[in-house]
Amino acid sequence: MLKIVFVTGNLNKAREVAEILRNFRIDVEHVNLTLTEIQSDSLEEIAKASALEATGLVGKPVIVEDSGLFIKSLDGFPGPFSSYVQKTIGNRGILKLMEGIDDRDASFRSVVAYCDEERKPLSFTGEVRGKISYEEKGKVWAFDPIFIPNRKGGKTYAEMGPVEKDRISHRRRALEKFAKWYLKF
């Protein structure tokens, strides 16, 4: 079984990544660090910068992951600022911003960045399109209670539970691309 170090301060994310990569026979060593997050409109730039920092701190090849919720009618907001928005206004704040808006189209995007001692980060992107619900449904973390992926019977990520969500999520799609590359690498 191959191994990879995953650096994050988010224990929920660490669990998801380990579960998903286990399906590809990749064992995950979680290193609990909070990395500097550069300010950028690009998830890819943020993830690559974090991967460079993480490799320097850990001293071996690592992956990091950054994700964002992009709401069409809000011009992509909160996008790469999703973590900050979740901490400040949360799901209720997003739903308040969406009051009176019929266009609920949104997408969840994930970028997994790999970096090794050569310090040339690579990135792998996954996306799931869906809609913003009119109310919170289910109890999980982050935006899961308000994001309804297309073609999933109208359930939010939170209502699906971790196993069902991990099969179809934006993070799964990015990690799957990484895993296919890593297994050949």
N, C-alpha and C. Protein backbone atom coordinates (compact mmCIF):
# COMPACT_ATOMS: atom_id res chain seq x y z
N MET A 1 0.85 -1.18 0.00
CA MET A 1 0.00 0.00 0.00
C MET A 1 0.89 1.25 0.00
N LEU A 2 0.64 2.16 -0.93
CA LEU A 2 1.39 3.41 -0.97
C LEU A 2 0.96 4.31 0.18
N LYS A 3 1.81 5.28 0.50
CA LYS A 3 1.51 6.22 1.58
C LYS A 3 1.69 7.64 1.08
N ILE A 4 0.95 8.57 1.70
CA ILE A 4 1.11 9.99 1.42
C ILE A 4 0.79 10.75 2.70
N VAL A 5 1.47 11.87 2.90
CA VAL A 5 1.21 12.75 4.03
C VAL A 5 0.18 13.79 3.59
N PHE A 6 -0.86 13.93 4.39
CA PHE A 6 -1.88 14.96 4.15
C PHE A 6 -1.80 15.97 5.27
N VAL A 7 -1.58 17.23 4.91
CA VAL A 7 -1.42 18.29 5.89
C VAL A 7 -2.68 19.14 5.92
N THR A 8 -3.29 19.21 7.11
CA THR A 8 -4.45 20.06 7.33
C THR A 8 -4.67 20.24 8.82
N GLY A 9 -5.28 21.33 9.18
CA GLY A 9 -5.70 21.54 10.56
C GLY A 9 -7.16 21.15 10.75
N ASN A 10 -7.81 20.69 9.68
CA ASN A 10 -9.24 20.36 9.70
C ASN A 10 -9.41 18.84 9.84
N LEU A 11 -9.82 18.40 11.01
CA LEU A 11 -9.94 16.96 11.27
C LEU A 11 -11.04 16.30 10.44
N ASN A 12 -12.12 17.02 10.14
CA ASN A 12 -13.17 16.48 9.28
C ASN A 12 -12.63 16.20 7.88
N LYS A 13 -11.87 17.15 7.37
CA LYS A 13 -11.27 16.99 6.05
C LYS A 13 -10.28 15.83 6.05
N ALA A 14 -9.50 15.70 7.12
CA ALA A 14 -8.53 14.61 7.23
C ALA A 14 -9.23 13.26 7.17
N ARG A 15 -10.37 13.14 7.85
CA ARG A 15 -11.13 11.88 7.83
C ARG A 15 -11.62 11.58 6.42
N GLU A 16 -12.19 12.58 5.75
CA GLU A 16 -12.69 12.38 4.39
C GLU A 16 -11.58 11.94 3.45
N VAL A 17 -10.46 12.62 3.51
CA VAL A 17 -9.35 12.30 2.60
C VAL A 17 -8.85 10.88 2.84
N ALA A 18 -8.68 10.51 4.11
CA ALA A 18 -8.21 9.15 4.42
C ALA A 18 -9.19 8.10 3.93
N GLU A 19 -10.48 8.32 4.12
CA GLU A 19 -11.49 7.36 3.66
C GLU A 19 -11.49 7.23 2.14
N ILE A 20 -11.43 8.34 1.46
CA ILE A 20 -11.46 8.31 -0.01
C ILE A 20 -10.21 7.64 -0.57
N LEU A 21 -9.03 8.02 -0.08
CA LEU A 21 -7.80 7.45 -0.63
C LEU A 21 -7.61 5.99 -0.25
N ARG A 22 -8.20 5.56 0.84
CA ARG A 22 -8.14 4.13 1.20
C ARG A 22 -8.73 3.28 0.06
N ASN A 23 -9.76 3.79 -0.61
CA ASN A 23 -10.36 3.08 -1.75
C ASN A 23 -9.37 2.88 -2.90
N PHE A 24 -8.33 3.69 -2.94
CA PHE A 24 -7.31 3.58 -3.99
C PHE A 24 -6.04 2.91 -3.47
N ARG A 25 -6.14 2.34 -2.28
CA ARG A 25 -5.02 1.65 -1.63
C ARG A 25 -3.86 2.60 -1.36
N ILE A 26 -4.21 3.81 -0.94
CA ILE A 26 -3.21 4.80 -0.52
C ILE A 26 -3.49 5.12 0.95
N ASP A 27 -2.49 4.86 1.78
CA ASP A 27 -2.60 5.12 3.21
C ASP A 27 -2.23 6.58 3.48
N VAL A 28 -3.00 7.25 4.31
CA VAL A 28 -2.80 8.67 4.58
C VAL A 28 -2.24 8.86 5.99
N GLU A 29 -1.13 9.56 6.06
CA GLU A 29 -0.60 10.00 7.35
C GLU A 29 -1.03 11.46 7.52
N HIS A 30 -1.85 11.72 8.52
CA HIS A 30 -2.33 13.08 8.75
C HIS A 30 -1.34 13.85 9.62
N VAL A 31 -0.92 15.00 9.14
CA VAL A 31 -0.11 15.92 9.93
C VAL A 31 -0.98 17.14 10.19
N ASN A 32 -1.23 17.40 11.47
CA ASN A 32 -2.14 18.46 11.89
C ASN A 32 -1.39 19.78 12.01
N LEU A 33 -1.41 20.54 10.93
CA LEU A 33 -0.78 21.87 10.89
C LEU A 33 -1.77 22.86 10.29
N THR A 34 -1.74 24.06 10.80
CA THR A 34 -2.48 25.14 10.17
C THR A 34 -1.49 25.91 9.31
N LEU A 35 -1.76 25.93 8.02
CA LEU A 35 -0.85 26.56 7.08
C LEU A 35 -1.30 27.99 6.78
N THR A 36 -0.37 28.80 6.31
CA THR A 36 -0.68 30.15 5.87
C THR A 36 -1.52 30.06 4.61
N GLU A 37 -2.64 30.75 4.57
CA GLU A 37 -3.45 30.75 3.35
C GLU A 37 -3.29 32.09 2.66
N ILE A 38 -2.64 32.07 1.50
CA ILE A 38 -2.47 33.31 0.75
C ILE A 38 -3.84 33.81 0.29
N GLN A 39 -3.93 35.09 0.06
CA GLN A 39 -5.16 35.67 -0.46
C GLN A 39 -5.08 35.67 -1.98
N SER A 40 -6.02 34.96 -2.59
CA SER A 40 -6.03 34.83 -4.05
C SER A 40 -7.44 34.48 -4.49
N ASP A 41 -7.76 34.81 -5.72
CA ASP A 41 -9.04 34.41 -6.32
C ASP A 41 -8.97 33.00 -6.88
N SER A 42 -7.80 32.37 -6.80
CA SER A 42 -7.58 31.06 -7.40
C SER A 42 -7.35 29.99 -6.34
N LEU A 43 -8.25 29.00 -6.30
CA LEU A 43 -8.05 27.86 -5.39
C LEU A 43 -6.73 27.16 -5.70
N GLU A 44 -6.40 27.06 -6.98
CA GLU A 44 -5.18 26.38 -7.39
C GLU A 44 -3.95 27.09 -6.83
N GLU A 45 -3.89 28.41 -6.92
CA GLU A 45 -2.76 29.16 -6.38
C GLU A 45 -2.66 28.97 -4.87
N ILE A 46 -3.79 29.01 -4.18
CA ILE A 46 -3.82 28.84 -2.73
C ILE A 46 -3.31 27.46 -2.35
N ALA A 47 -3.82 26.42 -3.03
CA ALA A 47 -3.41 25.05 -2.71
C ALA A 47 -1.94 24.83 -3.00
N LYS A 48 -1.45 25.32 -4.12
CA LYS A 48 -0.03 25.14 -4.45
C LYS A 48 0.87 25.85 -3.45
N ALA A 49 0.51 27.06 -3.04
CA ALA A 49 1.31 27.78 -2.03
C ALA A 49 1.31 27.02 -0.71
N SER A 50 0.17 26.48 -0.33
CA SER A 50 0.09 25.69 0.91
C SER A 50 0.93 24.42 0.81
N ALA A 51 0.91 23.78 -0.35
CA ALA A 51 1.70 22.56 -0.54
C ALA A 51 3.19 22.85 -0.43
N LEU A 52 3.63 23.97 -1.01
CA LEU A 52 5.04 24.36 -0.89
C LEU A 52 5.43 24.57 0.57
N GLU A 53 4.58 25.29 1.31
CA GLU A 53 4.86 25.54 2.72
C GLU A 53 4.88 24.22 3.51
N ALA A 54 3.91 23.37 3.25
CA ALA A 54 3.80 22.10 3.98
C ALA A 54 5.00 21.21 3.72
N THR A 55 5.46 21.13 2.49
CA THR A 55 6.63 20.32 2.17
C THR A 55 7.85 20.82 2.93
N GLY A 56 8.01 22.13 2.99
CA GLY A 56 9.11 22.71 3.73
C GLY A 56 9.06 22.39 5.22
N LEU A 57 7.86 22.39 5.79
CA LEU A 57 7.70 22.11 7.22
C LEU A 57 7.84 20.62 7.55
N VAL A 58 7.29 19.77 6.69
CA VAL A 58 7.25 18.34 6.96
C VAL A 58 8.52 17.63 6.47
N GLY A 59 9.10 18.14 5.39
CA GLY A 59 10.34 17.56 4.88
C GLY A 59 10.18 16.32 4.04
N LYS A 60 8.97 16.07 3.56
CA LYS A 60 8.73 14.96 2.65
C LYS A 60 7.52 15.29 1.77
N PRO A 61 7.26 14.47 0.75
CA PRO A 61 6.13 14.74 -0.14
C PRO A 61 4.81 14.80 0.62
N VAL A 62 3.99 15.77 0.23
CA VAL A 62 2.71 15.99 0.91
C VAL A 62 1.61 16.29 -0.11
N ILE A 63 0.37 16.19 0.37
CA ILE A 63 -0.76 16.77 -0.33
C ILE A 63 -1.48 17.69 0.64
N VAL A 64 -2.10 18.71 0.07
CA VAL A 64 -3.01 19.59 0.80
C VAL A 64 -4.26 19.72 -0.07
N GLU A 65 -5.32 20.23 0.52
CA GLU A 65 -6.56 20.39 -0.24
C GLU A 65 -7.20 21.72 0.14
N ASP A 66 -7.69 22.42 -0.86
CA ASP A 66 -8.46 23.63 -0.61
C ASP A 66 -9.72 23.52 -1.44
N SER A 67 -10.80 24.00 -0.88
CA SER A 67 -12.07 23.91 -1.60
C SER A 67 -12.87 25.17 -1.40
N GLY A 68 -13.87 25.33 -2.26
CA GLY A 68 -14.71 26.51 -2.17
C GLY A 68 -16.09 26.25 -2.76
N LEU A 69 -17.05 26.98 -2.23
CA LEU A 69 -18.41 26.98 -2.73
C LEU A 69 -18.58 28.22 -3.61
N PHE A 70 -18.95 28.00 -4.86
CA PHE A 70 -19.09 29.08 -5.83
C PHE A 70 -20.56 29.22 -6.20
N ILE A 71 -21.17 30.34 -5.84
CA ILE A 71 -22.59 30.56 -6.07
C ILE A 71 -22.76 31.51 -7.26
N LYS A 72 -23.40 31.01 -8.30
CA LYS A 72 -23.52 31.75 -9.56
C LYS A 72 -24.13 33.13 -9.38
N SER A 73 -25.27 33.22 -8.71
CA SER A 73 -25.97 34.51 -8.58
C SER A 73 -25.22 35.50 -7.69
N LEU A 74 -24.24 35.04 -6.96
CA LEU A 74 -23.41 35.92 -6.13
C LEU A 74 -22.02 36.12 -6.76
N ASP A 75 -21.96 35.94 -8.08
CA ASP A 75 -20.73 36.11 -8.85
C ASP A 75 -19.58 35.24 -8.32
N GLY A 76 -19.92 34.01 -7.92
CA GLY A 76 -18.90 33.08 -7.47
C GLY A 76 -18.57 33.17 -5.98
N PHE A 77 -19.17 34.09 -5.28
CA PHE A 77 -18.94 34.22 -3.84
C PHE A 77 -19.55 33.02 -3.13
N PRO A 78 -18.95 32.50 -2.09
CA PRO A 78 -17.72 32.93 -1.44
C PRO A 78 -16.44 32.39 -2.07
N GLY A 79 -16.52 31.40 -2.96
CA GLY A 79 -15.35 30.91 -3.70
C GLY A 79 -14.18 30.59 -2.80
N PRO A 80 -12.99 31.15 -3.12
CA PRO A 80 -11.81 30.83 -2.35
C PRO A 80 -11.83 31.39 -0.92
N PHE A 81 -12.83 32.18 -0.61
CA PHE A 81 -12.95 32.76 0.73
C PHE A 81 -13.97 31.98 1.57
N SER A 82 -14.29 30.77 1.14
CA SER A 82 -15.34 29.97 1.80
C SER A 82 -15.05 29.69 3.27
N SER A 83 -13.83 29.39 3.61
CA SER A 83 -13.50 29.09 5.00
C SER A 83 -13.77 30.31 5.89
N TYR A 84 -13.35 31.47 5.45
CA TYR A 84 -13.57 32.70 6.21
C TYR A 84 -15.07 33.00 6.31
N VAL A 85 -15.77 32.86 5.21
CA VAL A 85 -17.21 33.13 5.20
C VAL A 85 -17.94 32.15 6.12
N GLN A 86 -17.53 30.89 6.11
CA GLN A 86 -18.15 29.90 7.00
C GLN A 86 -17.94 30.29 8.46
N LYS A 87 -16.74 30.76 8.80
CA LYS A 87 -16.43 31.15 10.17
C LYS A 87 -17.17 32.42 10.60
N THR A 88 -17.44 33.31 9.67
CA THR A 88 -18.02 34.61 10.03
C THR A 88 -19.54 34.65 9.92
N ILE A 89 -20.08 34.33 8.74
CA ILE A 89 -21.55 34.42 8.60
C ILE A 89 -22.21 33.04 8.52
N GLY A 90 -21.44 32.01 8.23
CA GLY A 90 -21.96 30.65 8.22
C GLY A 90 -23.06 30.40 7.20
N ASN A 91 -23.70 29.25 7.34
CA ASN A 91 -24.76 28.86 6.41
C ASN A 91 -25.94 29.82 6.46
N ARG A 92 -26.30 30.25 7.66
CA ARG A 92 -27.43 31.19 7.79
C ARG A 92 -27.16 32.50 7.06
N GLY A 93 -25.92 32.96 7.11
CA GLY A 93 -25.55 34.17 6.39
C GLY A 93 -25.66 34.00 4.88
N ILE A 94 -25.21 32.86 4.40
CA ILE A 94 -25.34 32.59 2.95
C ILE A 94 -26.81 32.54 2.57
N LEU A 95 -27.61 31.84 3.36
CA LEU A 95 -29.05 31.75 3.06
C LEU A 95 -29.70 33.13 3.11
N LYS A 96 -29.26 33.99 4.00
CA LYS A 96 -29.79 35.36 4.08
C LYS A 96 -29.43 36.12 2.80
N LEU A 97 -28.19 35.97 2.34
CA LEU A 97 -27.78 36.62 1.10
C LEU A 97 -28.59 36.14 -0.10
N MET A 98 -29.06 34.89 -0.03
CA MET A 98 -29.79 34.28 -1.14
C MET A 98 -31.30 34.53 -1.09
N GLU A 99 -31.78 35.22 -0.04
CA GLU A 99 -33.22 35.49 0.05
C GLU A 99 -33.69 36.25 -1.18
N GLY A 100 -34.79 35.78 -1.77
CA GLY A 100 -35.38 36.42 -2.93
C GLY A 100 -34.67 36.11 -4.24
N ILE A 101 -33.68 35.26 -4.22
CA ILE A 101 -32.94 34.90 -5.44
C ILE A 101 -33.42 33.53 -5.91
N ASP A 102 -33.91 33.49 -7.15
CA ASP A 102 -34.41 32.24 -7.71
C ASP A 102 -33.30 31.36 -8.28
N ASP A 103 -32.26 31.99 -8.83
CA ASP A 103 -31.16 31.23 -9.41
C ASP A 103 -30.29 30.71 -8.28
N ARG A 104 -30.42 29.43 -7.95
CA ARG A 104 -29.71 28.82 -6.82
C ARG A 104 -28.50 28.01 -7.29
N ASP A 105 -28.13 28.11 -8.58
CA ASP A 105 -27.02 27.32 -9.12
C ASP A 105 -25.72 27.61 -8.37
N ALA A 106 -24.99 26.56 -8.09
CA ALA A 106 -23.72 26.67 -7.38
C ALA A 106 -22.84 25.49 -7.75
N SER A 107 -21.59 25.58 -7.42
CA SER A 107 -20.70 24.43 -7.57
C SER A 107 -19.73 24.41 -6.39
N PHE A 108 -19.36 23.21 -6.02
CA PHE A 108 -18.33 23.00 -5.02
C PHE A 108 -17.10 22.56 -5.78
N ARG A 109 -15.96 23.22 -5.53
CA ARG A 109 -14.72 22.87 -6.19
C ARG A 109 -13.66 22.51 -5.15
N SER A 110 -12.82 21.58 -5.53
CA SER A 110 -11.73 21.13 -4.67
C SER A 110 -10.45 21.09 -5.50
N VAL A 111 -9.36 21.53 -4.89
CA VAL A 111 -8.05 21.41 -5.52
C VAL A 111 -7.13 20.69 -4.54
N VAL A 112 -6.60 19.57 -4.98
CA VAL A 112 -5.60 18.83 -4.22
C VAL A 112 -4.25 19.18 -4.84
N ALA A 113 -3.33 19.64 -4.00
CA ALA A 113 -1.99 19.97 -4.50
C ALA A 113 -0.98 19.03 -3.87
N TYR A 114 -0.12 18.49 -4.72
CA TYR A 114 0.97 17.60 -4.31
C TYR A 114 2.28 18.35 -4.47
N CYS A 115 3.17 18.18 -3.50
CA CYS A 115 4.49 18.78 -3.62
C CYS A 115 5.51 17.84 -2.98
N ASP A 116 6.67 17.72 -3.63
CA ASP A 116 7.75 16.90 -3.07
C ASP A 116 8.99 17.78 -2.90
N GLU A 117 10.10 17.14 -2.62
CA GLU A 117 11.33 17.87 -2.34
C GLU A 117 11.82 18.73 -3.51
N GLU A 118 11.37 18.41 -4.72
CA GLU A 118 11.76 19.22 -5.88
C GLU A 118 11.03 20.55 -5.89
N ARG A 119 9.99 20.67 -5.06
CA ARG A 119 9.26 21.91 -4.82
C ARG A 119 8.58 22.46 -6.08
N LYS A 120 8.03 21.54 -6.88
CA LYS A 120 7.23 21.91 -8.04
C LYS A 120 5.83 21.34 -7.84
N PRO A 121 4.94 22.12 -7.22
CA PRO A 121 3.62 21.57 -6.90
C PRO A 121 2.78 21.28 -8.14
N LEU A 122 2.02 20.19 -8.05
CA LEU A 122 1.05 19.81 -9.07
C LEU A 122 -0.33 19.89 -8.45
N SER A 123 -1.33 20.18 -9.27
CA SER A 123 -2.68 20.27 -8.71
C SER A 123 -3.66 19.42 -9.51
N PHE A 124 -4.72 19.00 -8.80
CA PHE A 124 -5.77 18.14 -9.35
C PHE A 124 -7.10 18.71 -8.88
N THR A 125 -8.00 18.98 -9.82
CA THR A 125 -9.24 19.69 -9.51
C THR A 125 -10.46 18.79 -9.68
N GLY A 126 -11.40 18.93 -8.77
CA GLY A 126 -12.69 18.24 -8.86
C GLY A 126 -13.81 19.24 -8.63
N GLU A 127 -14.93 18.99 -9.29
CA GLU A 127 -16.07 19.91 -9.17
C GLU A 127 -17.37 19.12 -9.19
N VAL A 128 -18.33 19.59 -8.40
CA VAL A 128 -19.69 19.07 -8.42
C VAL A 128 -20.63 20.26 -8.53
N ARG A 129 -21.50 20.19 -9.52
CA ARG A 129 -22.51 21.25 -9.69
C ARG A 129 -23.77 20.90 -8.92
N GLY A 130 -24.45 21.94 -8.48
CA GLY A 130 -25.67 21.72 -7.73
C GLY A 130 -26.41 23.02 -7.48
N LYS A 131 -27.11 23.05 -6.36
CA LYS A 131 -27.92 24.21 -6.00
C LYS A 131 -27.78 24.49 -4.51
N ILE A 132 -28.10 25.72 -4.14
CA ILE A 132 -28.16 26.10 -2.73
C ILE A 132 -29.59 25.87 -2.26
N SER A 133 -29.73 25.16 -1.15
CA SER A 133 -31.07 24.89 -0.60
C SER A 133 -31.66 26.18 -0.03
N TYR A 134 -32.94 26.12 0.32
CA TYR A 134 -33.61 27.27 0.93
C TYR A 134 -33.49 27.26 2.45
N GLU A 135 -33.02 26.13 2.99
CA GLU A 135 -32.81 26.02 4.43
C GLU A 135 -31.75 24.96 4.69
N GLU A 136 -31.19 24.99 5.89
CA GLU A 136 -30.22 23.98 6.27
C GLU A 136 -30.92 22.64 6.45
N LYS A 137 -30.31 21.61 5.90
CA LYS A 137 -30.86 20.25 6.02
C LYS A 137 -29.73 19.31 6.38
N GLY A 138 -29.85 18.65 7.52
CA GLY A 138 -28.81 17.74 7.98
C GLY A 138 -27.81 18.46 8.86
N LYS A 139 -27.08 17.69 9.61
CA LYS A 139 -26.09 18.25 10.53
C LYS A 139 -24.72 17.67 10.23
N VAL A 140 -23.92 18.42 9.57
CA VAL A 140 -22.53 18.05 9.35
C VAL A 140 -21.76 19.36 9.39
N TRP A 141 -20.60 19.41 8.81
CA TRP A 141 -19.77 20.60 8.90
C TRP A 141 -19.80 21.43 7.63
N ALA A 142 -19.39 22.65 7.75
CA ALA A 142 -19.24 23.61 6.66
C ALA A 142 -20.54 23.82 5.89
N PHE A 143 -20.45 23.86 4.57
CA PHE A 143 -21.60 24.17 3.74
C PHE A 143 -22.42 22.94 3.36
N ASP A 144 -22.07 21.78 3.87
CA ASP A 144 -22.78 20.54 3.53
C ASP A 144 -24.30 20.62 3.74
N PRO A 145 -24.80 21.30 4.78
CA PRO A 145 -26.26 21.35 4.98
C PRO A 145 -27.01 22.25 3.99
N ILE A 146 -26.30 23.01 3.14
CA ILE A 146 -27.02 23.89 2.21
C ILE A 146 -26.70 23.60 0.74
N PHE A 147 -25.84 22.61 0.46
CA PHE A 147 -25.49 22.30 -0.93
C PHE A 147 -26.15 21.02 -1.36
N ILE A 148 -26.94 21.12 -2.45
CA ILE A 148 -27.63 19.97 -3.03
C ILE A 148 -27.00 19.66 -4.38
N PRO A 149 -26.23 18.56 -4.48
CA PRO A 149 -25.65 18.21 -5.77
C PRO A 149 -26.72 17.81 -6.77
N ASN A 150 -26.49 18.12 -8.03
CA ASN A 150 -27.44 17.74 -9.08
C ASN A 150 -27.60 16.22 -9.13
N ARG A 151 -28.79 15.77 -9.47
CA ARG A 151 -29.12 14.35 -9.68
C ARG A 151 -28.90 13.48 -8.45
N LYS A 152 -29.16 14.00 -7.27
CA LYS A 152 -29.03 13.17 -6.07
C LYS A 152 -30.32 13.20 -5.25
N GLY A 153 -31.46 13.30 -5.91
CA GLY A 153 -32.74 13.21 -5.22
C GLY A 153 -33.04 14.37 -4.31
N GLY A 154 -32.38 15.49 -4.50
CA GLY A 154 -32.69 16.68 -3.71
C GLY A 154 -32.10 16.69 -2.32
N LYS A 155 -31.21 15.75 -2.01
CA LYS A 155 -30.59 15.71 -0.68
C LYS A 155 -29.34 16.59 -0.65
N THR A 156 -29.16 17.28 0.48
CA THR A 156 -27.92 18.02 0.68
C THR A 156 -26.80 17.03 0.96
N TYR A 157 -25.57 17.50 0.83
CA TYR A 157 -24.42 16.68 1.22
C TYR A 157 -24.62 16.15 2.64
N ALA A 158 -25.09 17.01 3.55
CA ALA A 158 -25.24 16.62 4.95
C ALA A 158 -26.27 15.51 5.13
N GLU A 159 -27.35 15.55 4.36
CA GLU A 159 -28.38 14.52 4.45
C GLU A 159 -27.90 13.17 3.92
N MET A 160 -26.91 13.19 3.05
CA MET A 160 -26.41 11.95 2.46
C MET A 160 -25.65 11.09 3.45
N GLY A 161 -24.98 11.71 4.38
CA GLY A 161 -24.08 10.97 5.25
C GLY A 161 -22.73 10.83 4.59
N PRO A 162 -21.70 10.51 5.38
CA PRO A 162 -20.34 10.53 4.85
C PRO A 162 -20.05 9.52 3.75
N VAL A 163 -20.59 8.33 3.81
CA VAL A 163 -20.25 7.32 2.80
C VAL A 163 -20.80 7.72 1.44
N GLU A 164 -22.07 8.09 1.40
CA GLU A 164 -22.68 8.50 0.12
C GLU A 164 -22.03 9.77 -0.41
N LYS A 165 -21.79 10.75 0.46
CA LYS A 165 -21.15 11.99 0.02
C LYS A 165 -19.76 11.71 -0.53
N ASP A 166 -18.97 10.88 0.17
CA ASP A 166 -17.60 10.61 -0.26
C ASP A 166 -17.54 9.94 -1.63
N ARG A 167 -18.61 9.29 -2.05
CA ARG A 167 -18.64 8.64 -3.37
C ARG A 167 -18.78 9.64 -4.50
N ILE A 168 -19.38 10.81 -4.22
CA ILE A 168 -19.69 11.74 -5.32
C ILE A 168 -19.12 13.14 -5.16
N SER A 169 -18.46 13.42 -4.07
CA SER A 169 -18.08 14.80 -3.74
C SER A 169 -17.02 15.39 -4.66
N HIS A 170 -16.92 16.69 -4.61
CA HIS A 170 -15.88 17.45 -5.31
C HIS A 170 -14.50 17.01 -4.83
N ARG A 171 -14.38 16.77 -3.53
CA ARG A 171 -13.11 16.32 -2.96
C ARG A 171 -12.74 14.94 -3.52
N ARG A 172 -13.74 14.06 -3.61
CA ARG A 172 -13.52 12.72 -4.19
C ARG A 172 -13.00 12.84 -5.61
N ARG A 173 -13.60 13.71 -6.39
CA ARG A 173 -13.19 13.85 -7.79
C ARG A 173 -11.75 14.34 -7.92
N ALA A 174 -11.36 15.30 -7.09
CA ALA A 174 -9.98 15.79 -7.12
C ALA A 174 -9.02 14.71 -6.62
N LEU A 175 -9.38 14.03 -5.53
CA LEU A 175 -8.52 12.98 -4.98
C LEU A 175 -8.40 11.79 -5.92
N GLU A 176 -9.44 11.50 -6.66
CA GLU A 176 -9.40 10.41 -7.64
C GLU A 176 -8.38 10.73 -8.73
N LYS A 177 -8.38 11.97 -9.20
CA LYS A 177 -7.39 12.37 -10.22
C LYS A 177 -5.98 12.27 -9.65
N PHE A 178 -5.81 12.75 -8.41
CA PHE A 178 -4.50 12.64 -7.76
C PHE A 178 -4.09 11.17 -7.65
N ALA A 179 -4.98 10.33 -7.14
CA ALA A 179 -4.67 8.91 -6.90
C ALA A 179 -4.24 8.22 -8.19
N LYS A 180 -4.94 8.45 -9.28
CA LYS A 180 -4.59 7.82 -10.56
C LYS A 180 -3.18 8.24 -10.99
N TRP A 181 -2.87 9.52 -10.80
CA TRP A 181 -1.53 10.00 -11.13
C TRP A 181 -0.50 9.39 -10.19
N TYR A 182 -0.77 9.41 -8.89
CA TYR A 182 0.18 8.96 -7.86
C TYR A 182 0.48 7.46 -8.00
N LEU A 183 -0.51 6.69 -8.33
CA LEU A 183 -0.31 5.25 -8.50
C LEU A 183 0.59 4.92 -9.69
N LYS A 184 0.62 5.81 -10.69
CA LYS A 184 1.50 5.62 -11.85
C LYS A 184 2.87 6.23 -11.63
N PHE A 185 2.96 7.19 -10.72
CA PHE A 185 4.17 7.99 -10.44
C PHE A 185 5.24 7.17 -9.84
